[in-house]
Amino acid sequence: MNLSKLLNNNVEIINDDFETVCEYAQKGDFIFFDPPYDLLKKILLIVILKINLVKKDKND
């Protein structure tokens, strides 16, 4: 099915907080929630993992 046809068929897209979106939800609705993430925490975790791998390599 062509995406434009699908989106033109009585579709409402809401970009808001998940609690607000839940207030609009009705039986039969398809809802997608993109999980929140903190980019700084994600970068910090990657750096910590890399540091630990380097330390492990030096100790082996």
PDB file of N, CA and C in Angstrom:
ATOM      1  N   MET A   1       0.846  -1.182   0.000  1.00  0.00           N
ATOM      2  CA  MET A   1       0.000   0.000   0.000  1.00  0.00           C
ATOM      3  C   MET A   1       0.890   1.243   0.000  1.00  0.00           C
ATOM      4  N   ASN A   2       0.506   2.210  -0.759  1.00  0.00           N
ATOM      5  CA  ASN A   2       1.230   3.463  -0.836  1.00  0.00           C
ATOM      6  C   ASN A   2       1.103   4.207   0.492  1.00  0.00           C
ATOM      7  N   LEU A   3       2.225   4.652   1.057  1.00  0.00           N
ATOM      8  CA  LEU A   3       2.221   5.328   2.354  1.00  0.00           C
ATOM      9  C   LEU A   3       1.360   6.577   2.345  1.00  0.00           C
ATOM     10  N   SER A   4       1.393   7.342   1.271  1.00  0.00           N
ATOM     11  CA  SER A   4       0.589   8.569   1.219  1.00  0.00           C
ATOM     12  C   SER A   4      -0.904   8.250   1.267  1.00  0.00           C
ATOM     13  N   LYS A   5      -1.316   7.141   0.639  1.00  0.00           N
ATOM     14  CA  LYS A   5      -2.730   6.743   0.705  1.00  0.00           C
ATOM     15  C   LYS A   5      -3.112   6.372   2.133  1.00  0.00           C
ATOM     16  N   LEU A   6      -2.215   5.671   2.804  1.00  0.00           N
ATOM     17  CA  LEU A   6      -2.473   5.277   4.181  1.00  0.00           C
ATOM     18  C   LEU A   6      -2.603   6.502   5.087  1.00  0.00           C
ATOM     19  N   LEU A   7      -1.689   7.450   4.930  1.00  0.00           N
ATOM     20  CA  LEU A   7      -1.700   8.633   5.794  1.00  0.00           C
ATOM     21  C   LEU A   7      -2.834   9.595   5.471  1.00  0.00           C
ATOM     22  N   ASN A   8      -3.418   9.497   4.300  1.00  0.00           N
ATOM     23  CA  ASN A   8      -4.545  10.356   3.934  1.00  0.00           C
ATOM     24  C   ASN A   8      -5.888   9.726   4.288  1.00  0.00           C
ATOM     25  N   ASN A   9      -5.860   8.615   4.975  1.00  0.00           N
ATOM     26  CA  ASN A   9      -7.081   7.891   5.301  1.00  0.00           C
ATOM     27  C   ASN A   9      -7.448   8.097   6.773  1.00  0.00           C
ATOM     28  N   ASN A  10      -7.877   9.309   7.098  1.00  0.00           N
ATOM     29  CA  ASN A  10      -8.354   9.624   8.448  1.00  0.00           C
ATOM     30  C   ASN A  10      -7.302   9.314   9.513  1.00  0.00           C
ATOM     31  N   VAL A  11      -6.101   9.824   9.328  1.00  0.00           N
ATOM     32  CA  VAL A  11      -5.003   9.601  10.254  1.00  0.00           C
ATOM     33  C   VAL A  11      -4.680  10.903  10.968  1.00  0.00           C
ATOM     34  N   GLU A  12      -4.477  10.799  12.268  1.00  0.00           N
ATOM     35  CA  GLU A  12      -4.066  11.963  13.050  1.00  0.00           C
ATOM     36  C   GLU A  12      -2.738  11.628  13.713  1.00  0.00           C
ATOM     37  N   ILE A  13      -1.740  12.468  13.484  1.00  0.00           N
ATOM     38  CA  ILE A  13      -0.427  12.281  14.096  1.00  0.00           C
ATOM     39  C   ILE A  13      -0.282  13.322  15.194  1.00  0.00           C
ATOM     40  N   ILE A  14       0.006  12.846  16.399  1.00  0.00           N
ATOM     41  CA  ILE A  14       0.159  13.737  17.547  1.00  0.00           C
ATOM     42  C   ILE A  14       1.587  13.609  18.052  1.00  0.00           C
ATOM     43  N   ASN A  15       2.281  14.720  18.145  1.00  0.00           N
ATOM     44  CA  ASN A  15       3.639  14.752  18.673  1.00  0.00           C
ATOM     45  C   ASN A  15       3.566  15.457  20.020  1.00  0.00           C
ATOM     46  N   ASP A  16       3.459  14.668  21.081  1.00  0.00           N
ATOM     47  CA  ASP A  16       3.258  15.243  22.406  1.00  0.00           C
ATOM     48  C   ASP A  16       3.738  14.250  23.454  1.00  0.00           C
ATOM     49  N   ASP A  17       3.627  14.619  24.698  1.00  0.00           N
ATOM     50  CA  ASP A  17       3.955  13.761  25.819  1.00  0.00           C
ATOM     51  C   ASP A  17       3.062  12.517  25.789  1.00  0.00           C
ATOM     52  N   PHE A  18       3.616  11.379  26.202  1.00  0.00           N
ATOM     53  CA  PHE A  18       2.845  10.133  26.085  1.00  0.00           C
ATOM     54  C   PHE A  18       1.559  10.171  26.894  1.00  0.00           C
ATOM     55  N   GLU A  19       1.549  10.871  28.022  1.00  0.00           N
ATOM     56  CA  GLU A  19       0.328  10.943  28.830  1.00  0.00           C
ATOM     57  C   GLU A  19      -0.770  11.697  28.089  1.00  0.00           C
ATOM     58  N   THR A  20      -0.393  12.745  27.380  1.00  0.00           N
ATOM     59  CA  THR A  20      -1.361  13.510  26.596  1.00  0.00           C
ATOM     60  C   THR A  20      -1.904  12.665  25.456  1.00  0.00           C
ATOM     61  N   VAL A  21      -1.022  11.931  24.794  1.00  0.00           N
ATOM     62  CA  VAL A  21      -1.449  11.075  23.686  1.00  0.00           C
ATOM     63  C   VAL A  21      -2.423  10.010  24.191  1.00  0.00           C
ATOM     64  N   CYS A  22      -2.164   9.460  25.366  1.00  0.00           N
ATOM     65  CA  CYS A  22      -3.056   8.434  25.927  1.00  0.00           C
ATOM     66  C   CYS A  22      -4.463   8.977  26.162  1.00  0.00           C
ATOM     67  N   GLU A  23      -4.579  10.268  26.441  1.00  0.00           N
ATOM     68  CA  GLU A  23      -5.901  10.870  26.636  1.00  0.00           C
ATOM     69  C   GLU A  23      -6.717  10.841  25.344  1.00  0.00           C
ATOM     70  N   TYR A  24      -6.047  10.900  24.198  1.00  0.00           N
ATOM     71  CA  TYR A  24      -6.723  10.885  22.899  1.00  0.00           C
ATOM     72  C   TYR A  24      -7.023   9.471  22.400  1.00  0.00           C
ATOM     73  N   ALA A  25      -6.361   8.483  22.966  1.00  0.00           N
ATOM     74  CA  ALA A  25      -6.444   7.115  22.443  1.00  0.00           C
ATOM     75  C   ALA A  25      -7.854   6.551  22.549  1.00  0.00           C
ATOM     76  N   GLN A  26      -8.219   5.825  21.494  1.00  0.00           N
ATOM     77  CA  GLN A  26      -9.511   5.146  21.455  1.00  0.00           C
ATOM     78  C   GLN A  26      -9.284   3.696  21.057  1.00  0.00           C
ATOM     79  N   LYS A  27     -10.265   2.866  21.321  1.00  0.00           N
ATOM     80  CA  LYS A  27     -10.166   1.455  20.977  1.00  0.00           C
ATOM     81  C   LYS A  27      -9.884   1.306  19.478  1.00  0.00           C
ATOM     82  N   GLY A  28      -8.883   0.476  19.154  1.00  0.00           N
ATOM     83  CA  GLY A  28      -8.521   0.235  17.764  1.00  0.00           C
ATOM     84  C   GLY A  28      -7.433   1.150  17.237  1.00  0.00           C
ATOM     85  N   ASP A  29      -7.017   2.141  18.026  1.00  0.00           N
ATOM     86  CA  ASP A  29      -5.951   3.050  17.592  1.00  0.00           C
ATOM     87  C   ASP A  29      -4.604   2.342  17.614  1.00  0.00           C
ATOM     88  N   PHE A  30      -3.732   2.731  16.695  1.00  0.00           N
ATOM     89  CA  PHE A  30      -2.346   2.284  16.708  1.00  0.00           C
ATOM     90  C   PHE A  30      -1.528   3.441  17.255  1.00  0.00           C
ATOM     91  N   ILE A  31      -0.786   3.191  18.322  1.00  0.00           N
ATOM     92  CA  ILE A  31       0.013   4.245  18.954  1.00  0.00           C
ATOM     93  C   ILE A  31       1.451   3.760  19.037  1.00  0.00           C
ATOM     94  N   PHE A  32       2.379   4.605  18.618  1.00  0.00           N
ATOM     95  CA  PHE A  32       3.804   4.297  18.726  1.00  0.00           C
ATOM     96  C   PHE A  32       4.432   5.311  19.661  1.00  0.00           C
ATOM     97  N   PHE A  33       5.070   4.825  20.715  1.00  0.00           N
ATOM     98  CA  PHE A  33       5.800   5.690  21.640  1.00  0.00           C
ATOM     99  C   PHE A  33       7.288   5.462  21.428  1.00  0.00           C
ATOM    100  N   ASP A  34       7.995   6.505  21.060  1.00  0.00           N
ATOM    101  CA  ASP A  34       9.447   6.446  20.930  1.00  0.00           C
ATOM    102  C   ASP A  34      10.020   6.614  22.331  1.00  0.00           C
ATOM    103  N   PRO A  35      10.710   5.607  22.867  1.00  0.00           N
ATOM    104  CA  PRO A  35      11.193   5.711  24.245  1.00  0.00           C
ATOM    105  C   PRO A  35      12.166   6.871  24.415  1.00  0.00           C
ATOM    106  N   PRO A  36      12.055   7.547  25.546  1.00  0.00           N
ATOM    107  CA  PRO A  36      12.961   8.677  25.792  1.00  0.00           C
ATOM    108  C   PRO A  36      14.377   8.181  26.079  1.00  0.00           C
ATOM    109  N   TYR A  37      15.325   8.989  25.746  1.00  0.00           N
ATOM    110  CA  TYR A  37      16.699   8.674  26.085  1.00  0.00           C
ATOM    111  C   TYR A  37      17.456   9.976  26.295  1.00  0.00           C
ATOM    112  N   ASP A  38      18.445   9.904  27.137  1.00  0.00           N
ATOM    113  CA  ASP A  38      19.288  11.053  27.423  1.00  0.00           C
ATOM    114  C   ASP A  38      20.592  10.848  26.657  1.00  0.00           C
ATOM    115  N   LEU A  39      20.811  11.661  25.633  1.00  0.00           N
ATOM    116  CA  LEU A  39      21.975  11.491  24.766  1.00  0.00           C
ATOM    117  C   LEU A  39      23.281  11.562  25.554  1.00  0.00           C
ATOM    118  N   LEU A  40      23.363  12.460  26.532  1.00  0.00           N
ATOM    119  CA  LEU A  40      24.586  12.588  27.316  1.00  0.00           C
ATOM    120  C   LEU A  40      24.879  11.294  28.082  1.00  0.00           C
ATOM    121  N   LYS A  41      23.856  10.690  28.674  1.00  0.00           N
ATOM    122  CA  LYS A  41      24.052   9.426  29.390  1.00  0.00           C
ATOM    123  C   LYS A  41      24.482   8.322  28.432  1.00  0.00           C
ATOM    124  N   LYS A  42      23.913   8.314  27.240  1.00  0.00           N
ATOM    125  CA  LYS A  42      24.272   7.302  26.247  1.00  0.00           C
ATOM    126  C   LYS A  42      25.740   7.456  25.845  1.00  0.00           C
ATOM    127  N   ILE A  43      26.180   8.677  25.606  1.00  0.00           N
ATOM    128  CA  ILE A  43      27.581   8.933  25.240  1.00  0.00           C
ATOM    129  C   ILE A  43      28.500   8.554  26.391  1.00  0.00           C
ATOM    130  N   LEU A  44      28.113   8.917  27.619  1.00  0.00           N
ATOM    131  CA  LEU A  44      28.921   8.593  28.790  1.00  0.00           C
ATOM    132  C   LEU A  44      29.072   7.083  28.944  1.00  0.00           C
ATOM    133  N   LEU A  45      28.001   6.338  28.737  1.00  0.00           N
ATOM    134  CA  LEU A  45      28.054   4.880  28.836  1.00  0.00           C
ATOM    135  C   LEU A  45      29.017   4.305  27.801  1.00  0.00           C
ATOM    136  N   ILE A  46      28.979   4.820  26.590  1.00  0.00           N
ATOM    137  CA  ILE A  46      29.882   4.340  25.537  1.00  0.00           C
ATOM    138  C   ILE A  46      31.332   4.615  25.922  1.00  0.00           C
ATOM    139  N   VAL A  47      31.606   5.803  26.459  1.00  0.00           N
ATOM    140  CA  VAL A  47      32.968   6.158  26.870  1.00  0.00           C
ATOM    141  C   VAL A  47      33.433   5.237  27.993  1.00  0.00           C
ATOM    142  N   ILE A  48      32.575   5.001  28.972  1.00  0.00           N
ATOM    143  CA  ILE A  48      32.931   4.114  30.088  1.00  0.00           C
ATOM    144  C   ILE A  48      33.228   2.706  29.576  1.00  0.00           C
ATOM    145  N   LEU A  49      32.408   2.206  28.675  1.00  0.00           N
ATOM    146  CA  LEU A  49      32.641   0.869  28.123  1.00  0.00           C
ATOM    147  C   LEU A  49      33.972   0.802  27.385  1.00  0.00           C
ATOM    148  N   LYS A  50      34.279   1.842  26.618  1.00  0.00           N
ATOM    149  CA  LYS A  50      35.542   1.851  25.874  1.00  0.00           C
ATOM    150  C   LYS A  50      36.732   1.911  26.825  1.00  0.00           C
ATOM    151  N   ILE A  51      36.632   2.718  27.882  1.00  0.00           N
ATOM    152  CA  ILE A  51      37.720   2.811  28.862  1.00  0.00           C
ATOM    153  C   ILE A  51      37.940   1.456  29.525  1.00  0.00           C
ATOM    154  N   ASN A  52      36.861   0.789  29.890  1.00  0.00           N
ATOM    155  CA  ASN A  52      36.981  -0.529  30.525  1.00  0.00           C
ATOM    156  C   ASN A  52      37.599  -1.548  29.582  1.00  0.00           C
ATOM    157  N   LEU A  53      37.273  -1.484  28.303  1.00  0.00           N
ATOM    158  CA  LEU A  53      37.869  -2.404  27.336  1.00  0.00           C
ATOM    159  C   LEU A  53      39.361  -2.147  27.183  1.00  0.00           C
ATOM    160  N   VAL A  54      39.759  -0.881  27.176  1.00  0.00           N
ATOM    161  CA  VAL A  54      41.179  -0.537  27.068  1.00  0.00           C
ATOM    162  C   VAL A  54      41.921  -1.032  28.300  1.00  0.00           C
ATOM    163  N   LYS A  55      41.350  -0.820  29.489  1.00  0.00           N
ATOM    164  CA  LYS A  55      41.983  -1.296  30.724  1.00  0.00           C
ATOM    165  C   LYS A  55      42.120  -2.819  30.705  1.00  0.00           C
ATOM    166  N   LYS A  56      41.085  -3.501  30.230  1.00  0.00           N
ATOM    167  CA  LYS A  56      41.115  -4.965  30.178  1.00  0.00           C
ATOM    168  C   LYS A  56      42.220  -5.434  29.235  1.00  0.00           C
ATOM    169  N   ASP A  57      42.349  -4.783  28.081  1.00  0.00           N
ATOM    170  CA  ASP A  57      43.387  -5.159  27.117  1.00  0.00           C
ATOM    171  C   ASP A  57      44.779  -4.964  27.703  1.00  0.00           C
ATOM    172  N   LYS A  58      44.978  -3.906  28.473  1.00  0.00           N
ATOM    173  CA  LYS A  58      46.292  -3.634  29.063  1.00  0.00           C
ATOM    174  C   LYS A  58      46.625  -4.632  30.159  1.00  0.00           C
ATOM    175  N   ASN A  59      45.606  -5.131  30.839  1.00  0.00           N
ATOM    176  CA  ASN A  59      45.824  -6.086  31.931  1.00  0.00           C
ATOM    177  C   ASN A  59      46.013  -7.515  31.435  1.00  0.00           C
ATOM    178  N   ASP A  60      45.618  -7.799  30.229  1.00  0.00           N
ATOM    179  CA  ASP A  60      45.727  -9.174  29.695  1.00  0.00           C
ATOM    180  C   ASP A  60      47.116  -9.498  29.227  1.00  0.00           C
TER     181      ASP A  60
END
